[in-house]
C-alpha atoms as a PDB file:
ATOM      1  CA  MET A   1       9.406   8.785  -7.821  1.00  0.00           C
ATOM      2  CA  ASN A   2       8.790   9.485  -4.338  1.00  0.00           C
ATOM      3  CA  ILE A   3       5.278  11.337  -4.664  1.00  0.00           C
ATOM      4  CA  SER A   4       2.277  10.558  -5.632  1.00  0.00           C
ATOM      5  CA  ILE A   5      -0.402  11.711  -8.638  1.00  0.00           C
ATOM      6  CA  HIS A   6      -1.780  13.971  -7.030  1.00  0.00           C
ATOM      7  CA  GLU A   7       1.477  16.241  -5.500  1.00  0.00           C
ATOM      8  CA  LEU A   8       3.063  16.326  -8.240  1.00  0.00           C
ATOM      9  CA  LYS A   9      -0.459  18.133  -9.979  1.00  0.00           C
ATOM     10  CA  GLU A  10      -0.537  20.597  -7.630  1.00  0.00           C
ATOM     11  CA  LYS A  11       3.390  20.952  -8.786  1.00  0.00           C
ATOM     12  CA  ILE A  12       2.824  21.481 -12.281  1.00  0.00           C
ATOM     13  CA  LYS A  13       0.437  24.201 -11.748  1.00  0.00           C
ATOM     14  CA  THR A  14       3.109  26.207  -8.964  1.00  0.00           C
ATOM     15  CA  ILE A  15       5.231  26.686 -12.787  1.00  0.00           C
ATOM     16  CA  GLU A  16       4.634  29.838 -14.704  1.00  0.00           C
ATOM     17  CA  SER A  17       2.479  29.897 -17.267  1.00  0.00           C
ATOM     18  CA  TRP A  18       1.892  26.271 -16.566  1.00  0.00           C
ATOM     19  CA  ASP A  19      -0.613  25.839 -18.840  1.00  0.00           C
ATOM     20  CA  TRP A  20       1.468  27.280 -22.563  1.00  0.00           C
ATOM     21  CA  TYR A  21       3.794  24.341 -22.691  1.00  0.00           C
ATOM     22  CA  PHE A  22       0.633  21.238 -22.442  1.00  0.00           C
ATOM     23  CA  ASP A  23      -1.747  23.914 -25.132  1.00  0.00           C
ATOM     24  CA  PRO A  24      -2.468  21.596 -28.172  1.00  0.00           C
ATOM     25  CA  GLU A  25      -0.274  24.697 -30.537  1.00  0.00           C
ATOM     26  CA  ILE A  26       2.725  24.669 -28.691  1.00  0.00           C
ATOM     27  CA  LYS A  27       3.340  21.051 -27.333  1.00  0.00           C
ATOM     28  CA  ASP A  28       6.736  22.626 -25.427  1.00  0.00           C
ATOM     29  CA  TYR A  29       6.320  19.837 -23.045  1.00  0.00           C
ATOM     30  CA  LYS A  30      10.779  19.571 -23.161  1.00  0.00           C
ATOM     31  CA  GLY A  31      10.659  22.874 -21.993  1.00  0.00           C
ATOM     32  CA  PHE A  32       8.231  22.845 -19.329  1.00  0.00           C
ATOM     33  CA  LEU A  33      10.235  19.584 -18.037  1.00  0.00           C
ATOM     34  CA  GLU A  34      13.376  21.786 -17.470  1.00  0.00           C
ATOM     35  CA  ILE A  35      12.368  24.248 -15.758  1.00  0.00           C
ATOM     36  CA  PHE A  36      10.552  20.829 -12.965  1.00  0.00           C
ATOM     37  CA  GLN A  37      13.157  19.565 -12.866  1.00  0.00           C
ATOM     38  CA  GLU A  38      15.193  23.283 -12.244  1.00  0.00           C
ATOM     39  CA  LYS A  39      12.826  23.996  -9.479  1.00  0.00           C
ATOM     40  CA  TYR A  40      12.147  20.554  -8.535  1.00  0.00           C
ATOM     41  CA  PRO A  41      15.473  19.046  -8.346  1.00  0.00           C
ATOM     42  CA  ASN A  42      15.178  15.923  -5.735  1.00  0.00           C
ATOM     43  CA  ILE A  43      12.467  14.953  -8.087  1.00  0.00           C
ATOM     44  CA  GLU A  44      12.625  11.864  -9.874  1.00  0.00           C
ATOM     45  CA  VAL A  45      10.031  12.373 -12.796  1.00  0.00           C
ATOM     46  CA  ASP A  46       8.671  10.231 -15.553  1.00  0.00           C
ATOM     47  CA  PRO A  47       8.517  12.267 -18.412  1.00  0.00           C
ATOM     48  CA  ALA A  48       5.775  10.371 -19.868  1.00  0.00           C
ATOM     49  CA  ILE A  49       3.546  10.610 -16.170  1.00  0.00           C
ATOM     50  CA  ILE A  50       4.259  14.352 -17.107  1.00  0.00           C
ATOM     51  CA  LYS A  51       3.000  14.705 -20.236  1.00  0.00           C
ATOM     52  CA  LYS A  52       0.021  13.151 -19.510  1.00  0.00           C
ATOM     53  CA  LEU A  53      -0.858  15.068 -16.260  1.00  0.00           C
ATOM     54  CA  GLY A  54      -0.132  18.425 -18.104  1.00  0.00           C
ATOM     55  CA  ILE A  55      -2.403  17.590 -20.842  1.00  0.00           C
ATOM     56  CA  ALA A  56      -5.415  15.908 -18.312  1.00  0.00           C
ATOM     57  CA  LEU A  57      -5.515  19.447 -16.159  1.00  0.00           C
ATOM     58  CA  ILE A  58      -5.732  22.010 -19.177  1.00  0.00           C
ATOM     59  CA  ASN A  59      -8.027  19.731 -20.457  1.00  0.00           C
ATOM     60  CA  GLY A  60     -10.019  19.887 -16.999  1.00  0.00           C
ATOM     61  CA  LYS A  61      -9.748  16.841 -15.818  1.00  0.00           C
ATOM     62  CA  ASP A  62     -10.306  15.616 -12.177  1.00  0.00           C
ATOM     63  CA  THR A  63      -9.016  12.500 -12.891  1.00  0.00           C
ATOM     64  CA  VAL A  64      -5.866  10.955 -15.077  1.00  0.00           C
ATOM     65  CA  ASN A  65      -6.572   8.399 -17.215  1.00  0.00           C
ATOM     66  CA  ILE A  66      -2.620   6.738 -16.766  1.00  0.00           C
ATOM     67  CA  SER A  67      -0.735   3.287 -17.291  1.00  0.00           C
ATOM     68  CA  GLN A  68      -0.883   0.818 -14.232  1.00  0.00           C
ATOM     69  CA  ASN A  69       2.670   0.217 -14.325  1.00  0.00           C
ATOM     70  CA  LEU A  70       3.017   4.915 -14.376  1.00  0.00           C
ATOM     71  CA  ILE A  71       1.078   4.422 -11.579  1.00  0.00           C
ATOM     72  CA  ALA A  72       2.959   2.285 -10.275  1.00  0.00           C
ATOM     73  CA  GLU A  73       6.051   3.795 -10.380  1.00  0.00           C
ATOM     74  CA  ALA A  74       5.144   7.308  -9.146  1.00  0.00           C
ATOM     75  CA  GLN A  75       3.285   5.059  -5.844  1.00  0.00           C
ATOM     76  CA  GLY A  76       7.017   4.368  -5.092  1.00  0.00           C
ATOM     77  CA  GLN A  77       8.279   0.924  -4.181  1.00  0.00           C
ATOM     78  CA  ASN A  78       6.673   0.351  -0.432  1.00  0.00           C
ATOM     79  CA  VAL A  79       2.980  -1.495  -0.430  1.00  0.00           C
ATOM     80  CA  ALA A  80      -0.390  -0.982   1.734  1.00  0.00           C
ATOM     81  CA  PHE A  81      -2.496  -3.848   2.293  1.00  0.00           C
ATOM     82  CA  LYS A  82      -5.887  -3.884   3.104  1.00  0.00           C
ATOM     83  CA  CYS A  83      -6.345  -6.669   5.677  1.00  0.00           C
ATOM     84  CA  THR A  84      -9.762  -8.273   7.266  1.00  0.00           C
ATOM     85  CA  TRP A  85     -10.214  -8.164  10.811  1.00  0.00           C
ATOM     86  CA  ASN A  86      -8.836 -10.750  12.090  1.00  0.00           C
ATOM     87  CA  ASP A  87      -9.525 -12.194  16.662  1.00  0.00           C
ATOM     88  CA  LYS A  88      -6.126 -14.111  16.773  1.00  0.00           C
ATOM     89  CA  GLY A  89      -3.247 -11.527  16.098  1.00  0.00           C
ATOM     90  CA  PHE A  90      -3.152 -12.145  12.714  1.00  0.00           C
ATOM     91  CA  ALA A  91      -1.736 -15.704  13.698  1.00  0.00           C
ATOM     92  CA  GLY A  92      -4.532 -18.047  13.626  1.00  0.00           C
ATOM     93  CA  ILE A  93      -7.554 -18.650  12.130  1.00  0.00           C
ATOM     94  CA  CYS A  94     -10.852 -16.232  13.285  1.00  0.00           C
ATOM     95  CA  SER A  95     -13.058 -17.273  16.177  1.00  0.00           C
ATOM     96  CA  ARG A  96     -16.490 -18.436  14.144  1.00  0.00           C
ATOM     97  CA  ARG A  97     -18.256 -15.263  15.919  1.00  0.00           C
ATOM     98  CA  ILE A  98     -15.279 -13.403  13.706  1.00  0.00           C
ATOM     99  CA  TYR A  99     -15.905 -15.250  11.080  1.00  0.00           C
ATOM    100  CA  GLU A 100     -19.498 -15.026  10.973  1.00  0.00           C
ATOM    101  CA  HIS A 101     -19.431 -10.728  11.482  1.00  0.00           C
ATOM    102  CA  ASN A 102     -16.753 -10.733   8.598  1.00  0.00           C
ATOM    103  CA  LYS A 103     -18.573 -13.004   6.156  1.00  0.00           C
ATOM    104  CA  GLU A 104     -22.117 -10.579   6.959  1.00  0.00           C
ATOM    105  CA  ALA A 105     -20.215  -7.790   6.102  1.00  0.00           C
ATOM    106  CA  GLY A 106     -19.010  -9.085   2.975  1.00  0.00           C
ATOM    107  CA  ARG A 107     -15.447  -9.103   3.339  1.00  0.00           C
ATOM    108  CA  ILE A 108     -14.554 -11.047  -0.255  1.00  0.00           C
ATOM    109  CA  TRP A 109     -13.060 -14.194   0.530  1.00  0.00           C
ATOM    110  CA  CYS A 110     -14.719 -15.073   4.151  1.00  0.00           C
ATOM    111  CA  SER A 111     -17.723 -15.325   1.647  1.00  0.00           C
ATOM    112  CA  GLN A 112     -16.845 -17.653  -0.364  1.00  0.00           C
ATOM    113  CA  VAL A 113     -18.595 -20.873  -0.609  1.00  0.00           C
ATOM    114  CA  ASP A 114     -15.334 -22.593  -1.008  1.00  0.00           C
ATOM    115  CA  ASN A 115     -14.061 -21.436   1.895  1.00  0.00           C
ATOM    116  CA  HIS A 116     -13.695 -23.705   4.759  1.00  0.00           C
ATOM    117  CA  CYS A 117     -11.675 -21.717   7.587  1.00  0.00           C
ATOM    118  CA  GLN A 118     -13.421 -23.072  10.428  1.00  0.00           C
ATOM    119  CA  ASP A 119     -13.505 -27.009   9.797  1.00  0.00           C
ATOM    120  CA  ILE A 120      -9.178 -26.539   9.486  1.00  0.00           C
ATOM    121  CA  THR A 121      -8.135 -28.532  12.868  1.00  0.00           C
ATOM    122  CA  GLU A 122      -5.749 -27.287  15.133  1.00  0.00           C
ATOM    123  CA  GLU A 123      -2.947 -29.763  14.087  1.00  0.00           C
ATOM    124  CA  ALA A 124      -3.521 -28.816  10.117  1.00  0.00           C
ATOM    125  CA  PHE A 125      -3.394 -25.438  10.791  1.00  0.00           C
ATOM    126  CA  ASN A 126       0.387 -25.447  12.991  1.00  0.00           C
ATOM    127  CA  LYS A 127       1.379 -27.788  10.390  1.00  0.00           C
ATOM    128  CA  GLY A 128       1.046 -24.891   6.979  1.00  0.00           C
ATOM    129  CA  GLU A 129      -2.504 -24.938   5.973  1.00  0.00           C
ATOM    130  CA  PHE A 130      -3.549 -21.464   6.953  1.00  0.00           C
ATOM    131  CA  PRO A 131      -7.099 -20.547   5.335  1.00  0.00           C
ATOM    132  CA  CYS A 132      -6.074 -16.730   4.483  1.00  0.00           C
ATOM    133  CA  TYR A 133      -3.703 -14.516   4.570  1.00  0.00           C
ATOM    134  CA  GLU A 134      -4.889 -13.286   7.572  1.00  0.00           C
ATOM    135  CA  SER A 135      -4.294 -16.317   9.895  1.00  0.00           C
ATOM    136  CA  HIS A 136      -0.444 -15.934   9.009  1.00  0.00           C
ATOM    137  CA  ALA A 137       0.320 -12.098   8.568  1.00  0.00           C
ATOM    138  CA  LEU A 138       2.388 -12.247  12.154  1.00  0.00           C
ATOM    139  CA  ILE A 139       3.287 -15.977  11.903  1.00  0.00           C
ATOM    140  CA  ASP A 140       5.941 -15.893   9.035  1.00  0.00           C
ATOM    141  CA  TYR A 141       5.557 -12.078   8.488  1.00  0.00           C
ATOM    142  CA  SER A 142       4.044 -12.138   4.509  1.00  0.00           C
ATOM    143  CA  PHE A 143       0.629 -10.960   3.130  1.00  0.00           C
ATOM    144  CA  GLY A 144      -0.535 -11.695  -0.451  1.00  0.00           C
ATOM    145  CA  SER A 145      -1.829 -10.589  -3.988  1.00  0.00           C
ATOM    146  CA  GLY A 146      -4.862 -12.060  -3.814  1.00  0.00           C
ATOM    147  CA  ILE A 147      -7.270 -13.355  -6.718  1.00  0.00           C
ATOM    148  CA  PHE A 148      -9.201 -11.609  -8.747  1.00  0.00           C
ATOM    149  CA  HIS A 149     -12.868 -12.989  -7.288  1.00  0.00           C
ATOM    150  CA  LYS A 150     -15.563 -11.831 -10.041  1.00  0.00           C
ATOM    151  CA  GLY A 151     -14.988 -10.467 -13.725  1.00  0.00           C
ATOM    152  CA  SER A 152     -13.339 -11.463 -16.791  1.00  0.00           C
ATOM    153  CA  LYS A 153     -10.377 -12.437 -14.419  1.00  0.00           C
ATOM    154  CA  LYS A 154     -12.414 -14.315 -11.872  1.00  0.00           C
ATOM    155  CA  ASP A 155      -9.703 -16.854 -10.350  1.00  0.00           C
ATOM    156  CA  GLN A 156      -6.932 -14.623 -11.972  1.00  0.00           C
ATOM    157  CA  ALA A 157      -4.009 -13.846  -9.349  1.00  0.00           C
ATOM    158  CA  ILE A 158      -3.518 -10.206  -9.210  1.00  0.00           C
ATOM    159  CA  ALA A 159       0.287  -9.002 -10.230  1.00  0.00           C
ATOM    160  CA  LEU A 160       2.036  -6.990  -7.766  1.00  0.00           C
ATOM    161  CA  LYS A 161       4.313  -5.110  -9.683  1.00  0.00           C
ATOM    162  CA  ASN A 162       7.175  -2.047  -8.957  1.00  0.00           C
ATOM    163  CA  VAL A 163       7.395  -3.690  -5.207  1.00  0.00           C
ATOM    164  CA  ARG A 164      11.221  -4.602  -3.855  1.00  0.00           C
ATOM    165  CA  ASP A 165      13.343  -6.620  -1.357  1.00  0.00           C
ATOM    166  CA  GLY A 166      14.179  -3.018   1.135  1.00  0.00           C
ATOM    167  CA  LYS A 167      10.973  -1.357   1.292  1.00  0.00           C
ATOM    168  CA  LEU A 168       8.139  -1.198   3.274  1.00  0.00           C
ATOM    169  CA  ALA A 169       4.764  -3.334   3.392  1.00  0.00           C
ATOM    170  CA  LEU A 170       2.009  -1.949   6.185  1.00  0.00           C
ATOM    171  CA  LEU A 171      -0.822  -4.076   7.186  1.00  0.00           C
ATOM    172  CA  THR A 172      -3.681  -1.895   7.775  1.00  0.00           C
ATOM    173  CA  THR A 173      -7.357  -2.911   8.767  1.00  0.00           C
ATOM    174  CA  ARG A 174     -10.228  -2.061  11.199  1.00  0.00           C
ATOM    175  CA  GLU A 175     -12.004  -3.321  13.912  1.00  0.00           C
ATOM    176  CA  PRO A 176     -15.467  -4.496  13.684  1.00  0.00           C
ATOM    177  CA  GLY A 177     -17.261  -2.120  14.085  1.00  0.00           C
ATOM    178  CA  MET A 178     -15.393   0.884  13.015  1.00  0.00           C
ATOM    179  CA  ASN A 179     -15.006   3.330  10.075  1.00  0.00           C
ATOM    180  CA  GLU A 180     -13.310   3.457   7.024  1.00  0.00           C
ATOM    181  CA  GLU A 181     -11.156   6.375   7.903  1.00  0.00           C
ATOM    182  CA  ASP A 182     -10.154   4.713  11.391  1.00  0.00           C
ATOM    183  CA  ARG A 183      -8.244   2.014   9.583  1.00  0.00           C
ATOM    184  CA  TYR A 184      -5.309   1.932  11.445  1.00  0.00           C
ATOM    185  CA  ILE A 185      -1.652   0.409   9.999  1.00  0.00           C
ATOM    186  CA  PHE A 186      -1.302  -2.849  12.753  1.00  0.00           C
ATOM    187  CA  ALA A 187       2.043  -4.095  11.350  1.00  0.00           C
ATOM    188  CA  ILE A 188       4.742  -3.274   9.510  1.00  0.00           C
ATOM    189  CA  LEU A 189       6.904  -5.821   6.781  1.00  0.00           C
ATOM    190  CA  ASP A 190      11.021  -4.799   6.131  1.00  0.00           C
ATOM    191  CA  ILE A 191      10.564  -6.913   3.081  1.00  0.00           C
ATOM    192  CA  GLU A 192      13.611  -9.050   2.763  1.00  0.00           C
ATOM    193  CA  LYS A 193      12.327 -11.403   0.167  1.00  0.00           C
ATOM    194  CA  ILE A 194       8.592 -11.162  -2.780  1.00  0.00           C
ATOM    195  CA  LYS A 195       8.143 -14.736  -4.856  1.00  0.00           C
ATOM    196  CA  ASP A 196       7.055 -13.502  -7.721  1.00  0.00           C
ATOM    197  CA  GLU A 197       5.669 -16.634  -9.939  1.00  0.00           C
ATOM    198  CA  ARG A 198       4.929 -15.393 -13.903  1.00  0.00           C
ATOM    199  CA  PHE A 199       5.068 -16.929 -17.096  1.00  0.00           C
ATOM    200  CA  GLU A 200       5.569 -14.972 -19.893  1.00  0.00           C
ATOM    201  CA  GLU A 201       4.507 -11.501 -18.555  1.00  0.00           C
ATOM    202  CA  LYS A 202       0.854 -13.270 -16.901  1.00  0.00           C
ATOM    203  CA  GLN A 203       1.128 -14.059 -13.777  1.00  0.00           C
ATOM    204  CA  ILE A 204       0.812 -17.301 -12.040  1.00  0.00           C
ATOM    205  CA  GLU A 205       0.165 -17.528  -8.725  1.00  0.00           C
ATOM    206  CA  PRO A 206      -0.628 -14.627  -5.916  1.00  0.00           C
ATOM    207  CA  VAL A 207       2.361 -11.903  -5.461  1.00  0.00           C
ATOM    208  CA  GLU A 208       3.889 -12.652  -1.599  1.00  0.00           C
ATOM    209  CA  VAL A 209       5.661 -10.311   0.013  1.00  0.00           C
ATOM    210  CA  TYR A 210       8.308 -11.035   3.240  1.00  0.00           C
ATOM    211  CA  GLY A 211       9.123  -9.522   5.565  1.00  0.00           C
ATOM    212  CA  ASN A 212      12.466  -9.663   8.012  1.00  0.00           C
ATOM    213  CA  LYS A 213      11.284 -10.421  11.285  1.00  0.00           C
ATOM    214  CA  GLU A 214      14.102 -10.093  13.268  1.00  0.00           C
ATOM    215  CA  THR A 215      13.564  -6.262  11.786  1.00  0.00           C
ATOM    216  CA  SER A 216       9.428  -6.304  10.615  1.00  0.00           C
ATOM    217  CA  LEU A 217       7.622  -5.099  13.786  1.00  0.00           C
ATOM    218  CA  LYS A 218       4.110  -5.540  14.784  1.00  0.00           C
ATOM    219  CA  VAL A 219       2.901  -1.962  16.129  1.00  0.00           C
ATOM    220  CA  ASP A 220       1.829  -1.545  19.568  1.00  0.00           C
ATOM    221  CA  LYS A 221      -1.444  -1.844  20.340  1.00  0.00           C
ATOM    222  CA  ARG A 222      -1.825   1.162  22.149  1.00  0.00           C
ATOM    223  CA  VAL A 223      -0.927   3.035  18.633  1.00  0.00           C
ATOM    224  CA  LYS A 224      -3.858   3.417  16.272  1.00  0.00           C
ATOM    225  CA  LEU A 225      -1.918   5.027  13.636  1.00  0.00           C
ATOM    226  CA  ARG A 226      -4.814   5.833  10.885  1.00  0.00           C
ATOM    227  CA  PHE A 227      -4.206   4.946   7.578  1.00  0.00           C
ATOM    228  CA  TRP A 228      -5.530   8.157   5.962  1.00  0.00           C
ATOM    229  CA  GLY A 229      -4.330   9.983   8.068  1.00  0.00           C
ATOM    230  CA  PHE A 230      -0.987   9.662   5.748  1.00  0.00           C
ATOM    231  CA  TYR A 231      -2.425   8.245   2.530  1.00  0.00           C
ATOM    232  CA  GLU A 232      -4.512   9.759  -0.426  1.00  0.00           C
ATOM    233  CA  ASN A 233      -6.854   8.507  -3.380  1.00  0.00           C
ATOM    234  CA  ILE A 234      -5.173   9.265  -6.700  1.00  0.00           C
ATOM    235  CA  GLY A 235      -7.135  11.723  -8.460  1.00  0.00           C
ATOM    236  CA  ASN A 236      -9.374  11.393  -5.415  1.00  0.00           C
ATOM    237  CA  PRO A 237      -7.932  13.200  -2.048  1.00  0.00           C
ATOM    238  CA  ASP A 238     -10.969  13.516  -0.307  1.00  0.00           C
ATOM    239  CA  ASN A 239     -12.765  10.106  -0.489  1.00  0.00           C
ATOM    240  CA  ILE A 240     -11.772   8.198   2.422  1.00  0.00           C
ATOM    241  CA  GLN A 241     -12.570   4.916   1.024  1.00  0.00           C
ATOM    242  CA  TRP A 242     -10.618   2.197  -0.032  1.00  0.00           C
ATOM    243  CA  SER A 243     -13.183   0.435  -2.459  1.00  0.00           C
ATOM    244  CA  THR A 244     -11.972  -2.079  -4.790  1.00  0.00           C
ATOM    245  CA  GLY A 245      -8.692  -3.965  -4.655  1.00  0.00           C
ATOM    246  CA  LEU A 246      -6.437  -5.272  -1.519  1.00  0.00           C
ATOM    247  CA  PHE A 247      -3.608  -3.080  -2.025  1.00  0.00           C
ATOM    248  CA  ARG A 248      -1.444   0.353  -2.834  1.00  0.00           C
ATOM    249  CA  TYR A 249       1.476   1.657  -3.389  1.00  0.00           C
ATOM    250  CA  ILE A 250       3.243   4.187  -1.022  1.00  0.00           C
ATOM    251  CA  THR A 251       5.652   6.721  -2.020  1.00  0.00           C
ATOM    252  CA  ASP A 252       8.532   6.468   0.049  1.00  0.00           C
ATOM    253  CA  ILE A 253       8.078  10.257   1.370  1.00  0.00           C
ATOM    254  CA  THR A 254       4.348   8.898   3.128  1.00  0.00           C
ATOM    255  CA  VAL A 255       6.094   5.941   5.062  1.00  0.00           C
ATOM    256  CA  PHE A 256       8.785   7.977   6.319  1.00  0.00           C
ATOM    257  CA  ASN A 257       5.792  10.486   7.799  1.00  0.00           C
ATOM    258  CA  ILE A 258       4.751   7.061   9.499  1.00  0.00           C
ATOM    259  CA  LEU A 259       8.133   6.219  10.495  1.00  0.00           C
ATOM    260  CA  ASN A 260       8.567   9.315  12.503  1.00  0.00           C
ATOM    261  CA  LYS A 261       5.118   9.108  13.415  1.00  0.00           C
ATOM    262  CA  LEU A 262       5.450   5.844  15.815  1.00  0.00           C
ATOM    263  CA  ARG A 263       8.788   7.143  16.644  1.00  0.00           C
ATOM    264  CA  ASP A 264       7.164  10.671  18.216  1.00  0.00           C
ATOM    265  CA  GLU A 265       4.359   7.894  20.356  1.00  0.00           C
ATOM    266  CA  TYR A 266       6.631   5.110  21.358  1.00  0.00           C
ATOM    267  CA  ILE A 267       9.318   7.992  22.441  1.00  0.00           C
ATOM    268  CA  LYS A 268       5.774   8.636  24.176  1.00  0.00           C
ATOM    269  CA  LEU A 269       5.130   5.532  25.358  1.00  0.00           C
ATOM    270  CA  GLY A 270       8.395   4.898  27.521  1.00  0.00           C
ATOM    271  CA  ASN A 271       8.496   1.321  27.764  1.00  0.00           C
ATOM    272  CA  VAL A 272       9.405  -0.172  24.045  1.00  0.00           C
ATOM    273  CA  LYS A 273      13.128   0.422  23.302  1.00  0.00           C
ATOM    274  CA  GLN A 274      13.632  -2.999  21.413  1.00  0.00           C
ATOM    275  CA  GLU A 275      10.754  -1.409  19.296  1.00  0.00           C
ATOM    276  CA  LEU A 276      11.757   1.799  19.099  1.00  0.00           C
ATOM    277  CA  LYS A 277      16.067   1.437  17.891  1.00  0.00           C
ATOM    278  CA  LYS A 278      13.893  -1.023  15.256  1.00  0.00           C
ATOM    279  CA  VAL A 279      11.635   1.758  14.605  1.00  0.00           C
ATOM    280  CA  GLU A 280      14.537   4.351  14.299  1.00  0.00           C
ATOM    281  CA  ASN A 281      17.050   1.918  11.790  1.00  0.00           C
ATOM    282  CA  LEU A 282      14.525   2.329   9.279  1.00  0.00           C
ATOM    283  CA  ILE A 283      13.970   5.897   9.387  1.00  0.00           C
ATOM    284  CA  ARG A 284      17.729   6.386   9.089  1.00  0.00           C
ATOM    285  CA  ARG A 285      17.103   3.734   5.168  1.00  0.00           C
ATOM    286  CA  TYR A 286      14.016   5.812   4.008  1.00  0.00           C
ATOM    287  CA  GLU A 287      16.085   9.066   5.095  1.00  0.00           C
ATOM    288  CA  LYS A 288      18.334   8.746   2.051  1.00  0.00           C
ATOM    289  CA  TRP A 289      15.535   8.157  -0.215  1.00  0.00           C
ATOM    290  CA  VAL A 290      13.203  10.876   0.886  1.00  0.00           C
END
């Protein structure tokens, strides 16, 4: 599916007498789906999602309680990660100053007592002793789903479902002093490998996605693509707040819009031909899906 839950709710309301089909006395879900598909033939709709949304809307609910699997499917097979600010270009261990800043700001991993990133030597780091995803995100073009740090699932790996190779991972961050609304996309990983270890549906290790080093790109520092200028929270689009969780699923149309905006910005810069070519190649890929 290539639209968000919020967009899908709005499209449901465009069908004449939509609420009639979801009336508890009628329950003509199949009839509604046939009309919806006729009006929006390019949108692939899971009937279970349509049914749950329609019932919730007729009951006057602002939010919809649907399974994480359905949310993942509705949000697409791309992903955006929330990255803590790293002053070494996401290719090294933070300076002591930024580490202390992140710790004071309550960044989850920086605040953990078993985080010894400042004690890791350069030699150990060069041999692959990475203290966090951010420290090597733009060395091997990777990022991961992380673990739960509190609650009943503390120390358990977080599953990352419905993300696949050939799609994109957006790395987002905000610098010290920036508000959440200014969070920006600093890199785009063209996913070529997903390391996902499960046993009987239990997540053994955090999921890690790896981008192709040749086709992934660091966004030029002169370009600040505001993440919240393209993405809306499910069920509450006016709330610009990442809150919990390390990642968000992203639709193909959202990625397509981001890529087109990046292309426009690169054309304005005028001296980034190699990176512009990468962006245009990705746009051609996504044109087939939107």
